[in-house]
C-alpha atoms as a PDB file:
ATOM      1  CA  UNK A   1      73.405 163.540 132.487  1.00  0.00           C
ATOM      2  CA  UNK A   2      69.665 164.062 132.994  1.00  0.00           C
ATOM      3  CA  UNK A   3      68.502 167.627 133.603  1.00  0.00           C
ATOM      4  CA  UNK A   4      66.753 168.581 136.867  1.00  0.00           C
ATOM      5  CA  UNK A   5      63.289 168.517 135.256  1.00  0.00           C
ATOM      6  CA  UNK A   6      63.786 164.947 134.010  1.00  0.00           C
ATOM      7  CA  UNK A   7      65.030 163.824 137.428  1.00  0.00           C
ATOM      8  CA  UNK A   8      62.053 165.424 139.163  1.00  0.00           C
ATOM      9  CA  UNK A   9      59.649 163.689 136.766  1.00  0.00           C
ATOM     10  CA  UNK A  10      61.366 160.353 137.409  1.00  0.00           C
ATOM     11  CA  UNK A  11      61.085 160.796 141.180  1.00  0.00           C
ATOM     12  CA  UNK A  12      57.381 161.665 140.796  1.00  0.00           C
ATOM     13  CA  UNK A  13      56.688 158.615 138.596  1.00  0.00           C
ATOM     14  CA  UNK A  14      58.557 156.279 140.920  1.00  0.00           C
ATOM     15  CA  UNK A  15      57.193 157.917 144.072  1.00  0.00           C
ATOM     16  CA  UNK A  16      55.088 154.992 145.368  1.00  0.00           C
ATOM     17  CA  UNK A  17      57.903 152.491 144.653  1.00  0.00           C
ATOM     18  CA  UNK A  18      60.543 154.657 146.310  1.00  0.00           C
ATOM     19  CA  UNK A  19      58.218 155.065 149.302  1.00  0.00           C
ATOM     20  CA  UNK A  20      58.090 151.285 149.764  1.00  0.00           C
ATOM     21  CA  UNK A  21      61.860 151.027 149.459  1.00  0.00           C
ATOM     22  CA  UNK A  22      62.378 153.736 152.070  1.00  0.00           C
ATOM     23  CA  UNK A  23      59.946 152.098 154.488  1.00  0.00           C
ATOM     24  CA  UNK A  24      61.761 148.806 154.086  1.00  0.00           C
ATOM     25  CA  UNK A  25      65.054 150.566 154.824  1.00  0.00           C
ATOM     26  CA  UNK A  26      63.534 151.857 158.046  1.00  0.00           C
ATOM     27  CA  UNK A  27      62.202 148.350 158.796  1.00  0.00           C
ATOM     28  CA  UNK A  28      58.809 149.624 159.975  1.00  0.00           C
ATOM     29  CA  UNK A  29      55.857 147.407 159.110  1.00  0.00           C
ATOM     30  CA  UNK A  30      53.229 150.156 159.122  1.00  0.00           C
ATOM     31  CA  UNK A  31      50.559 147.726 157.940  1.00  0.00           C
ATOM     32  CA  UNK A  32      50.740 146.057 161.352  1.00  0.00           C
ATOM     33  CA  UNK A  33      50.621 149.314 163.317  1.00  0.00           C
ATOM     34  CA  UNK A  34      47.152 150.577 164.321  1.00  0.00           C
ATOM     35  CA  UNK A  35      46.327 154.117 163.261  1.00  0.00           C
ATOM     36  CA  UNK A  36      44.491 156.845 165.101  1.00  0.00           C
ATOM     37  CA  UNK A  37      42.543 159.377 163.101  1.00  0.00           C
ATOM     38  CA  UNK A  38      42.765 162.899 164.468  1.00  0.00           C
ATOM     39  CA  UNK A  39      41.117 166.122 163.358  1.00  0.00           C
ATOM     40  CA  UNK A  40      43.355 169.119 162.820  1.00  0.00           C
ATOM     41  CA  UNK A  41      41.564 172.435 162.612  1.00  0.00           C
ATOM     42  CA  UNK A  42      42.149 176.008 161.552  1.00  0.00           C
ATOM     43  CA  UNK A  43      43.080 178.108 164.637  1.00  0.00           C
ATOM     44  CA  UNK A  44      42.924 181.664 163.301  1.00  0.00           C
ATOM     45  CA  UNK A  45      44.423 184.132 165.798  1.00  0.00           C
ATOM     46  CA  UNK A  46      43.599 182.075 168.889  1.00  0.00           C
ATOM     47  CA  UNK A  47      46.647 182.543 171.138  1.00  0.00           C
ATOM     48  CA  UNK A  48      47.739 181.251 174.541  1.00  0.00           C
ATOM     49  CA  UNK A  49      46.757 184.626 176.003  1.00  0.00           C
ATOM     50  CA  UNK A  50      43.299 184.395 174.424  1.00  0.00           C
ATOM     51  CA  UNK A  51      42.852 180.939 175.958  1.00  0.00           C
ATOM     52  CA  UNK A  52      43.522 182.391 179.414  1.00  0.00           C
ATOM     53  CA  UNK A  53      41.304 185.479 179.088  1.00  0.00           C
ATOM     54  CA  UNK A  54      38.552 185.789 176.468  1.00  0.00           C
ATOM     55  CA  UNK A  55      38.057 182.052 175.968  1.00  0.00           C
ATOM     56  CA  UNK A  56      34.897 180.766 177.648  1.00  0.00           C
ATOM     57  CA  UNK A  57      36.896 177.939 179.182  1.00  0.00           C
ATOM     58  CA  UNK A  58      39.694 180.157 180.504  1.00  0.00           C
ATOM     59  CA  UNK A  59      39.098 179.125 184.116  1.00  0.00           C
ATOM     60  CA  UNK A  60      39.480 175.454 183.177  1.00  0.00           C
ATOM     61  CA  UNK A  61      42.786 176.077 181.381  1.00  0.00           C
ATOM     62  CA  UNK A  62      44.054 178.106 184.338  1.00  0.00           C
ATOM     63  CA  UNK A  63      43.005 175.241 186.581  1.00  0.00           C
ATOM     64  CA  UNK A  64      45.181 172.799 184.665  1.00  0.00           C
ATOM     65  CA  UNK A  65      42.677 171.080 182.378  1.00  0.00           C
ATOM     66  CA  UNK A  66      43.648 170.006 178.880  1.00  0.00           C
ATOM     67  CA  UNK A  67      41.961 171.361 175.738  1.00  0.00           C
ATOM     68  CA  UNK A  68      40.907 167.849 174.705  1.00  0.00           C
ATOM     69  CA  UNK A  69      39.044 167.317 177.946  1.00  0.00           C
ATOM     70  CA  UNK A  70      36.410 169.830 176.802  1.00  0.00           C
ATOM     71  CA  UNK A  71      36.759 169.969 173.016  1.00  0.00           C
ATOM     72  CA  UNK A  72      37.220 166.405 171.771  1.00  0.00           C
ATOM     73  CA  UNK A  73      34.861 165.944 168.823  1.00  0.00           C
ATOM     74  CA  UNK A  74      34.338 169.698 168.368  1.00  0.00           C
ATOM     75  CA  UNK A  75      37.421 170.405 166.242  1.00  0.00           C
ATOM     76  CA  UNK A  76      35.717 170.402 162.832  1.00  0.00           C
ATOM     77  CA  UNK A  77      32.969 172.805 163.889  1.00  0.00           C
ATOM     78  CA  UNK A  78      35.429 175.142 165.607  1.00  0.00           C
ATOM     79  CA  UNK A  79      37.617 175.108 162.506  1.00  0.00           C
ATOM     80  CA  UNK A  80      34.702 176.018 160.239  1.00  0.00           C
ATOM     81  CA  UNK A  81      33.798 178.971 162.447  1.00  0.00           C
ATOM     82  CA  UNK A  82      37.384 180.224 162.653  1.00  0.00           C
ATOM     83  CA  UNK A  83      38.125 179.815 158.940  1.00  0.00           C
ATOM     84  CA  UNK A  84      34.922 181.668 158.028  1.00  0.00           C
ATOM     85  CA  UNK A  85      36.077 184.824 159.805  1.00  0.00           C
ATOM     86  CA  UNK A  86      33.270 184.757 162.366  1.00  0.00           C
ATOM     87  CA  UNK A  87      35.780 184.390 165.196  1.00  0.00           C
ATOM     88  CA  UNK A  88      39.451 185.347 165.638  1.00  0.00           C
ATOM     89  CA  UNK A  89      40.225 185.702 161.944  1.00  0.00           C
ATOM     90  CA  UNK A  90      40.214 189.249 160.517  1.00  0.00           C
ATOM     91  CA  UNK A  91      41.356 188.149 157.045  1.00  0.00           C
ATOM     92  CA  UNK A  92      39.708 184.836 156.083  1.00  0.00           C
ATOM     93  CA  UNK A  93      41.066 183.013 153.050  1.00  0.00           C
ATOM     94  CA  UNK A  94      38.588 182.316 150.266  1.00  0.00           C
ATOM     95  CA  UNK A  95      37.794 178.613 150.054  1.00  0.00           C
ATOM     96  CA  UNK A  96      39.769 177.678 153.174  1.00  0.00           C
ATOM     97  CA  UNK A  97      38.165 174.634 154.774  1.00  0.00           C
ATOM     98  CA  UNK A  98      37.992 174.504 158.546  1.00  0.00           C
ATOM     99  CA  UNK A  99      39.543 171.119 159.283  1.00  0.00           C
ATOM    100  CA  UNK A 100      41.309 168.097 157.857  1.00  0.00           C
ATOM    101  CA  UNK A 101      41.737 164.548 159.114  1.00  0.00           C
ATOM    102  CA  UNK A 102      45.087 162.826 159.454  1.00  0.00           C
ATOM    103  CA  UNK A 103      45.901 159.189 160.111  1.00  0.00           C
ATOM    104  CA  UNK A 104      48.680 158.981 162.673  1.00  0.00           C
ATOM    105  CA  UNK A 105      50.781 155.950 163.588  1.00  0.00           C
ATOM    106  CA  UNK A 106      53.632 155.670 166.080  1.00  0.00           C
ATOM    107  CA  UNK A 107      56.241 152.965 166.561  1.00  0.00           C
ATOM    108  CA  UNK A 108      59.758 152.381 167.816  1.00  0.00           C
ATOM    109  CA  UNK A 109      62.547 149.829 167.676  1.00  0.00           C
ATOM    110  CA  UNK A 110      65.727 149.291 169.645  1.00  0.00           C
ATOM    111  CA  UNK A 111      67.200 152.611 168.536  1.00  0.00           C
ATOM    112  CA  UNK A 112      64.591 154.852 166.887  1.00  0.00           C
ATOM    113  CA  UNK A 113      61.156 156.404 167.340  1.00  0.00           C
ATOM    114  CA  UNK A 114      58.858 156.823 164.306  1.00  0.00           C
ATOM    115  CA  UNK A 115      55.744 158.845 163.494  1.00  0.00           C
ATOM    116  CA  UNK A 116      53.702 158.285 160.339  1.00  0.00           C
ATOM    117  CA  UNK A 117      51.253 160.945 159.092  1.00  0.00           C
ATOM    118  CA  UNK A 118      48.866 160.624 156.165  1.00  0.00           C
ATOM    119  CA  UNK A 119      46.295 163.121 154.909  1.00  0.00           C
ATOM    120  CA  UNK A 120      44.409 164.063 151.754  1.00  0.00           C
ATOM    121  CA  UNK A 121      45.836 167.175 150.129  1.00  0.00           C
ATOM    122  CA  UNK A 122      43.489 170.115 149.669  1.00  0.00           C
ATOM    123  CA  UNK A 123      43.015 172.200 146.554  1.00  0.00           C
ATOM    124  CA  UNK A 124      45.949 174.345 145.506  1.00  0.00           C
ATOM    125  CA  UNK A 125      44.902 178.018 145.681  1.00  0.00           C
ATOM    126  CA  UNK A 126      45.452 180.391 142.791  1.00  0.00           C
ATOM    127  CA  UNK A 127      47.318 182.699 145.159  1.00  0.00           C
ATOM    128  CA  UNK A 128      50.258 180.789 146.622  1.00  0.00           C
ATOM    129  CA  UNK A 129      50.904 182.820 149.751  1.00  0.00           C
ATOM    130  CA  UNK A 130      54.068 180.843 150.568  1.00  0.00           C
ATOM    131  CA  UNK A 131      55.301 179.557 147.187  1.00  0.00           C
ATOM    132  CA  UNK A 132      58.370 177.639 148.389  1.00  0.00           C
ATOM    133  CA  UNK A 133      56.539 174.576 149.705  1.00  0.00           C
ATOM    134  CA  UNK A 134      53.179 173.085 148.800  1.00  0.00           C
ATOM    135  CA  UNK A 135      52.786 171.538 152.240  1.00  0.00           C
ATOM    136  CA  UNK A 136      54.600 171.253 155.561  1.00  0.00           C
ATOM    137  CA  UNK A 137      54.101 168.777 158.388  1.00  0.00           C
ATOM    138  CA  UNK A 138      55.334 169.678 161.869  1.00  0.00           C
ATOM    139  CA  UNK A 139      55.680 167.849 165.179  1.00  0.00           C
ATOM    140  CA  UNK A 140      56.173 169.536 168.547  1.00  0.00           C
ATOM    141  CA  UNK A 141      57.415 167.232 171.304  1.00  0.00           C
ATOM    142  CA  UNK A 142      57.669 167.801 175.050  1.00  0.00           C
ATOM    143  CA  UNK A 143      58.419 165.445 177.938  1.00  0.00           C
ATOM    144  CA  UNK A 144      56.211 167.120 180.536  1.00  0.00           C
ATOM    145  CA  UNK A 145      58.543 170.004 181.379  1.00  0.00           C
ATOM    146  CA  UNK A 146      56.394 172.648 179.666  1.00  0.00           C
ATOM    147  CA  UNK A 147      52.999 172.828 181.436  1.00  0.00           C
ATOM    148  CA  UNK A 148      51.471 175.008 178.711  1.00  0.00           C
ATOM    149  CA  UNK A 149      52.188 172.297 176.149  1.00  0.00           C
ATOM    150  CA  UNK A 150      50.764 169.612 178.418  1.00  0.00           C
ATOM    151  CA  UNK A 151      47.500 171.557 178.607  1.00  0.00           C
ATOM    152  CA  UNK A 152      47.338 173.087 175.141  1.00  0.00           C
ATOM    153  CA  UNK A 153      49.801 171.367 172.818  1.00  0.00           C
ATOM    154  CA  UNK A 154      51.150 173.804 170.216  1.00  0.00           C
ATOM    155  CA  UNK A 155      49.292 176.681 171.914  1.00  0.00           C
ATOM    156  CA  UNK A 156      51.947 176.583 174.615  1.00  0.00           C
ATOM    157  CA  UNK A 157      54.264 178.363 172.165  1.00  0.00           C
ATOM    158  CA  UNK A 158      51.704 180.465 170.261  1.00  0.00           C
ATOM    159  CA  UNK A 159      51.385 183.990 171.622  1.00  0.00           C
ATOM    160  CA  UNK A 160      49.368 187.055 170.746  1.00  0.00           C
ATOM    161  CA  UNK A 161      52.420 189.053 169.623  1.00  0.00           C
ATOM    162  CA  UNK A 162      53.905 186.396 167.316  1.00  0.00           C
ATOM    163  CA  UNK A 163      54.011 187.465 163.671  1.00  0.00           C
ATOM    164  CA  UNK A 164      50.598 187.157 162.072  1.00  0.00           C
ATOM    165  CA  UNK A 165      48.736 187.203 165.376  1.00  0.00           C
ATOM    166  CA  UNK A 166      46.393 189.858 166.775  1.00  0.00           C
ATOM    167  CA  UNK A 167      49.042 191.888 168.673  1.00  0.00           C
ATOM    168  CA  UNK A 168      51.756 191.560 166.044  1.00  0.00           C
ATOM    169  CA  UNK A 169      53.716 194.805 165.713  1.00  0.00           C
ATOM    170  CA  UNK A 170      54.864 195.794 162.235  1.00  0.00           C
ATOM    171  CA  UNK A 171      58.614 195.575 161.788  1.00  0.00           C
ATOM    172  CA  UNK A 172      59.185 193.028 164.548  1.00  0.00           C
ATOM    173  CA  UNK A 173      60.191 189.435 163.875  1.00  0.00           C
ATOM    174  CA  UNK A 174      58.649 187.351 166.667  1.00  0.00           C
ATOM    175  CA  UNK A 175      58.547 183.565 166.438  1.00  0.00           C
ATOM    176  CA  UNK A 176      57.213 180.912 168.809  1.00  0.00           C
ATOM    177  CA  UNK A 177      58.366 181.090 172.432  1.00  0.00           C
ATOM    178  CA  UNK A 178      57.593 179.715 175.886  1.00  0.00           C
ATOM    179  CA  UNK A 179      56.136 181.693 178.797  1.00  0.00           C
ATOM    180  CA  UNK A 180      58.962 180.735 181.158  1.00  0.00           C
ATOM    181  CA  UNK A 181      61.475 182.496 178.882  1.00  0.00           C
ATOM    182  CA  UNK A 182      59.880 185.856 179.753  1.00  0.00           C
ATOM    183  CA  UNK A 183      60.147 188.026 182.845  1.00  0.00           C
ATOM    184  CA  UNK A 184      56.598 189.283 182.331  1.00  0.00           C
ATOM    185  CA  UNK A 185      53.556 188.355 180.245  1.00  0.00           C
ATOM    186  CA  UNK A 186      50.508 190.491 179.408  1.00  0.00           C
ATOM    187  CA  UNK A 187      47.317 189.933 177.432  1.00  0.00           C
ATOM    188  CA  UNK A 188      49.329 190.882 174.340  1.00  0.00           C
ATOM    189  CA  UNK A 189      52.197 188.486 175.063  1.00  0.00           C
ATOM    190  CA  UNK A 190      55.707 189.094 176.296  1.00  0.00           C
ATOM    191  CA  UNK A 191      57.945 189.469 173.263  1.00  0.00           C
ATOM    192  CA  UNK A 192      60.030 192.337 174.705  1.00  0.00           C
ATOM    193  CA  UNK A 193      60.514 190.812 178.161  1.00  0.00           C
ATOM    194  CA  UNK A 194      63.137 188.158 177.456  1.00  0.00           C
ATOM    195  CA  UNK A 195      65.098 186.735 180.383  1.00  0.00           C
ATOM    196  CA  UNK A 196      68.871 187.116 180.537  1.00  0.00           C
ATOM    197  CA  UNK A 197      71.197 184.884 178.562  1.00  0.00           C
ATOM    198  CA  UNK A 198      72.325 183.134 181.741  1.00  0.00           C
ATOM    199  CA  UNK A 199      68.736 182.490 182.855  1.00  0.00           C
ATOM    200  CA  UNK A 200      67.831 181.071 179.454  1.00  0.00           C
ATOM    201  CA  UNK A 201      70.919 178.850 179.484  1.00  0.00           C
ATOM    202  CA  UNK A 202      69.933 177.481 182.888  1.00  0.00           C
ATOM    203  CA  UNK A 203      66.462 176.655 181.596  1.00  0.00           C
ATOM    204  CA  UNK A 204      67.835 175.035 178.442  1.00  0.00           C
ATOM    205  CA  UNK A 205      70.450 173.003 180.306  1.00  0.00           C
ATOM    206  CA  UNK A 206      67.689 171.734 182.610  1.00  0.00           C
ATOM    207  CA  UNK A 207      65.749 170.476 179.581  1.00  0.00           C
ATOM    208  CA  UNK A 208      63.126 173.209 179.594  1.00  0.00           C
ATOM    209  CA  UNK A 209      62.344 173.557 175.893  1.00  0.00           C
ATOM    210  CA  UNK A 210      60.133 171.968 173.254  1.00  0.00           C
ATOM    211  CA  UNK A 211      61.442 170.097 170.242  1.00  0.00           C
ATOM    212  CA  UNK A 212      60.067 170.949 166.800  1.00  0.00           C
ATOM    213  CA  UNK A 213      60.443 168.821 163.662  1.00  0.00           C
ATOM    214  CA  UNK A 214      59.275 169.945 160.239  1.00  0.00           C
ATOM    215  CA  UNK A 215      59.033 168.262 156.835  1.00  0.00           C
ATOM    216  CA  UNK A 216      58.812 170.687 153.894  1.00  0.00           C
ATOM    217  CA  UNK A 217      57.089 169.138 150.929  1.00  0.00           C
ATOM    218  CA  UNK A 218      56.719 169.516 147.174  1.00  0.00           C
ATOM    219  CA  UNK A 219      55.306 166.831 144.905  1.00  0.00           C
ATOM    220  CA  UNK A 220      57.948 164.892 143.039  1.00  0.00           C
ATOM    221  CA  UNK A 221      60.832 166.194 145.157  1.00  0.00           C
ATOM    222  CA  UNK A 222      62.590 164.818 148.208  1.00  0.00           C
ATOM    223  CA  UNK A 223      61.298 166.266 151.462  1.00  0.00           C
ATOM    224  CA  UNK A 224      63.407 168.855 153.236  1.00  0.00           C
ATOM    225  CA  UNK A 225      63.658 168.456 157.000  1.00  0.00           C
ATOM    226  CA  UNK A 226      64.560 170.860 159.767  1.00  0.00           C
ATOM    227  CA  UNK A 227      64.490 170.309 163.504  1.00  0.00           C
ATOM    228  CA  UNK A 228      65.139 172.597 166.421  1.00  0.00           C
ATOM    229  CA  UNK A 229      64.015 173.891 169.785  1.00  0.00           C
ATOM    230  CA  UNK A 230      61.589 176.442 171.159  1.00  0.00           C
ATOM    231  CA  UNK A 231      62.466 178.448 174.285  1.00  0.00           C
ATOM    232  CA  UNK A 232      62.818 182.228 173.948  1.00  0.00           C
ATOM    233  CA  UNK A 233      62.323 181.758 170.185  1.00  0.00           C
ATOM    234  CA  UNK A 234      62.427 178.972 167.652  1.00  0.00           C
ATOM    235  CA  UNK A 235      65.977 177.944 166.786  1.00  0.00           C
ATOM    236  CA  UNK A 236      66.714 175.387 164.057  1.00  0.00           C
ATOM    237  CA  UNK A 237      69.709 173.094 164.451  1.00  0.00           C
ATOM    238  CA  UNK A 238      72.514 173.402 161.913  1.00  0.00           C
ATOM    239  CA  UNK A 239      72.270 169.670 161.196  1.00  0.00           C
ATOM    240  CA  UNK A 240      68.959 167.895 161.695  1.00  0.00           C
ATOM    241  CA  UNK A 241      68.974 164.656 163.685  1.00  0.00           C
ATOM    242  CA  UNK A 242      65.421 163.906 162.567  1.00  0.00           C
ATOM    243  CA  UNK A 243      64.996 162.068 159.265  1.00  0.00           C
ATOM    244  CA  UNK A 244      61.974 162.277 156.969  1.00  0.00           C
ATOM    245  CA  UNK A 245      60.612 160.117 154.168  1.00  0.00           C
ATOM    246  CA  UNK A 246      57.651 161.497 152.254  1.00  0.00           C
ATOM    247  CA  UNK A 247      55.589 160.644 149.200  1.00  0.00           C
ATOM    248  CA  UNK A 248      52.544 161.976 147.376  1.00  0.00           C
ATOM    249  CA  UNK A 249      50.300 159.392 145.762  1.00  0.00           C
ATOM    250  CA  UNK A 250      46.642 159.254 144.748  1.00  0.00           C
ATOM    251  CA  UNK A 251      45.901 162.660 146.254  1.00  0.00           C
ATOM    252  CA  UNK A 252      47.467 161.906 149.639  1.00  0.00           C
ATOM    253  CA  UNK A 253      50.618 162.908 151.455  1.00  0.00           C
ATOM    254  CA  UNK A 254      52.418 160.252 153.506  1.00  0.00           C
ATOM    255  CA  UNK A 255      55.174 161.484 155.791  1.00  0.00           C
ATOM    256  CA  UNK A 256      57.401 159.505 158.141  1.00  0.00           C
ATOM    257  CA  UNK A 257      59.551 161.097 160.823  1.00  0.00           C
ATOM    258  CA  UNK A 258      62.351 159.111 162.469  1.00  0.00           C
ATOM    259  CA  UNK A 259      64.609 160.088 165.373  1.00  0.00           C
ATOM    260  CA  UNK A 260      66.955 158.197 167.652  1.00  0.00           C
ATOM    261  CA  UNK A 261      65.420 157.482 171.033  1.00  0.00           C
ATOM    262  CA  UNK A 262      68.482 158.893 172.752  1.00  0.00           C
ATOM    263  CA  UNK A 263      70.778 161.575 171.364  1.00  0.00           C
ATOM    264  CA  UNK A 264      73.876 162.798 173.123  1.00  0.00           C
ATOM    265  CA  UNK A 265      73.316 166.259 171.735  1.00  0.00           C
ATOM    266  CA  UNK A 266      71.869 169.459 173.249  1.00  0.00           C
ATOM    267  CA  UNK A 267      68.347 170.319 172.179  1.00  0.00           C
ATOM    268  CA  UNK A 268      66.915 166.802 172.088  1.00  0.00           C
ATOM    269  CA  UNK A 269      64.911 164.947 174.704  1.00  0.00           C
ATOM    270  CA  UNK A 270      65.348 161.257 175.404  1.00  0.00           C
ATOM    271  CA  UNK A 271      62.307 159.190 174.439  1.00  0.00           C
ATOM    272  CA  UNK A 272      61.992 156.298 176.860  1.00  0.00           C
ATOM    273  CA  UNK A 273      59.533 153.869 178.383  1.00  0.00           C
ATOM    274  CA  UNK A 274      57.671 154.891 181.515  1.00  0.00           C
ATOM    275  CA  UNK A 275      57.313 158.572 180.570  1.00  0.00           C
ATOM    276  CA  UNK A 276      54.396 160.469 179.048  1.00  0.00           C
ATOM    277  CA  UNK A 277      55.108 162.916 176.240  1.00  0.00           C
ATOM    278  CA  UNK A 278      53.016 165.582 174.533  1.00  0.00           C
ATOM    279  CA  UNK A 279      52.716 165.625 170.743  1.00  0.00           C
ATOM    280  CA  UNK A 280      51.428 168.650 168.875  1.00  0.00           C
ATOM    281  CA  UNK A 281      50.834 168.131 165.156  1.00  0.00           C
ATOM    282  CA  UNK A 282      50.449 170.848 162.521  1.00  0.00           C
ATOM    283  CA  UNK A 283      49.940 170.674 158.765  1.00  0.00           C
ATOM    284  CA  UNK A 284      50.366 173.605 156.390  1.00  0.00           C
ATOM    285  CA  UNK A 285      48.375 172.631 153.304  1.00  0.00           C
ATOM    286  CA  UNK A 286      48.195 174.605 150.059  1.00  0.00           C
ATOM    287  CA  UNK A 287      51.243 176.914 150.036  1.00  0.00           C
ATOM    288  CA  UNK A 288      50.569 178.711 153.330  1.00  0.00           C
ATOM    289  CA  UNK A 289      52.576 179.525 156.443  1.00  0.00           C
ATOM    290  CA  UNK A 290      52.074 180.895 159.950  1.00  0.00           C
ATOM    291  CA  UNK A 291      48.600 180.736 161.468  1.00  0.00           C
ATOM    292  CA  UNK A 292      47.109 179.543 158.157  1.00  0.00           C
ATOM    293  CA  UNK A 293      47.863 175.952 159.114  1.00  0.00           C
ATOM    294  CA  UNK A 294      45.771 173.185 160.695  1.00  0.00           C
ATOM    295  CA  UNK A 295      46.662 172.109 164.223  1.00  0.00           C
ATOM    296  CA  UNK A 296      45.857 169.362 166.689  1.00  0.00           C
ATOM    297  CA  UNK A 297      45.284 169.744 170.370  1.00  0.00           C
ATOM    298  CA  UNK A 298      48.011 168.253 172.547  1.00  0.00           C
ATOM    299  CA  UNK A 299      48.058 164.461 172.333  1.00  0.00           C
ATOM    300  CA  UNK A 300      49.820 162.208 174.813  1.00  0.00           C
ATOM    301  CA  UNK A 301      52.358 159.559 173.823  1.00  0.00           C
ATOM    302  CA  UNK A 302      53.900 156.610 175.636  1.00  0.00           C
ATOM    303  CA  UNK A 303      56.034 153.671 174.601  1.00  0.00           C
ATOM    304  CA  UNK A 304      54.401 150.218 174.799  1.00  0.00           C
ATOM    305  CA  UNK A 305      51.895 150.670 177.627  1.00  0.00           C
ATOM    306  CA  UNK A 306      49.976 153.052 179.860  1.00  0.00           C
ATOM    307  CA  UNK A 307      47.190 155.589 179.393  1.00  0.00           C
ATOM    308  CA  UNK A 308      47.886 157.827 176.386  1.00  0.00           C
ATOM    309  CA  UNK A 309      46.383 158.913 173.072  1.00  0.00           C
ATOM    310  CA  UNK A 310      49.209 157.161 171.230  1.00  0.00           C
ATOM    311  CA  UNK A 311      50.950 153.996 172.398  1.00  0.00           C
ATOM    312  CA  UNK A 312      54.033 153.364 170.266  1.00  0.00           C
ATOM    313  CA  UNK A 313      54.593 149.628 169.816  1.00  0.00           C
ATOM    314  CA  UNK A 314      58.034 148.114 169.499  1.00  0.00           C
ATOM    315  CA  UNK A 315      58.866 146.687 166.084  1.00  0.00           C
END
């Protein structure tokens, strides 16, 4: 029997071939699917509360405008400023670039929805802050129920008191959450003001939550996948219904997510024609976690037709 090191080396050597085999198994002809290049940028400690108060465009966000309506094309410059420590970053990382570009493709067939991400990996830092995974790719999905996500994408779940953010309190474990799960919000967030169990259940049963999918990546090893929901906190499902294929080749990560369009299981939203969805995309590159990632603004998604950033075409 081969030892684990030998198996890992074999997977790494055969990576590109295995990638083609896996794509064929999924029956997605990505060569025929148009891609959209998006810029993901470093957000520092910019929170939902900051967007509504100290942000120069706070009145526009409060009025219902989307981040992309003002900031399309500005992501790289904003990322450089934030990563440098000049704004909303008290502990800048040496050598951290402000933004990366990702090629994104979407498709679906009779049963499944697919997202393809591809980006060039950055330099591996000497200090691996989060040594378990070299990179992570995350998708947040909403079907219009969460207005904060519609306006701000991932910022709809990013609050000032979440761990690593400006109002983080030592000793508390606070993950992503949604405003509607709190009885009260302040400039510093609302971590301690959680609604009752019955109120949260009513929200969840009504479909008020965001889905989150995450691929955890190391070169030469199979991707690990988790999926879950965000309401009063992030909760991962015991068994993921999202599948991931990933490969590293020629300096680039390629990651495919696949999920059934309809799942008769709590914590998943149906993906169907005629509806507009919000996609938030995040990439943790170079052994980091938390706010040290790169994020997109909220992007819209539809199946086949309509006005949206991504139109998934049927295969």
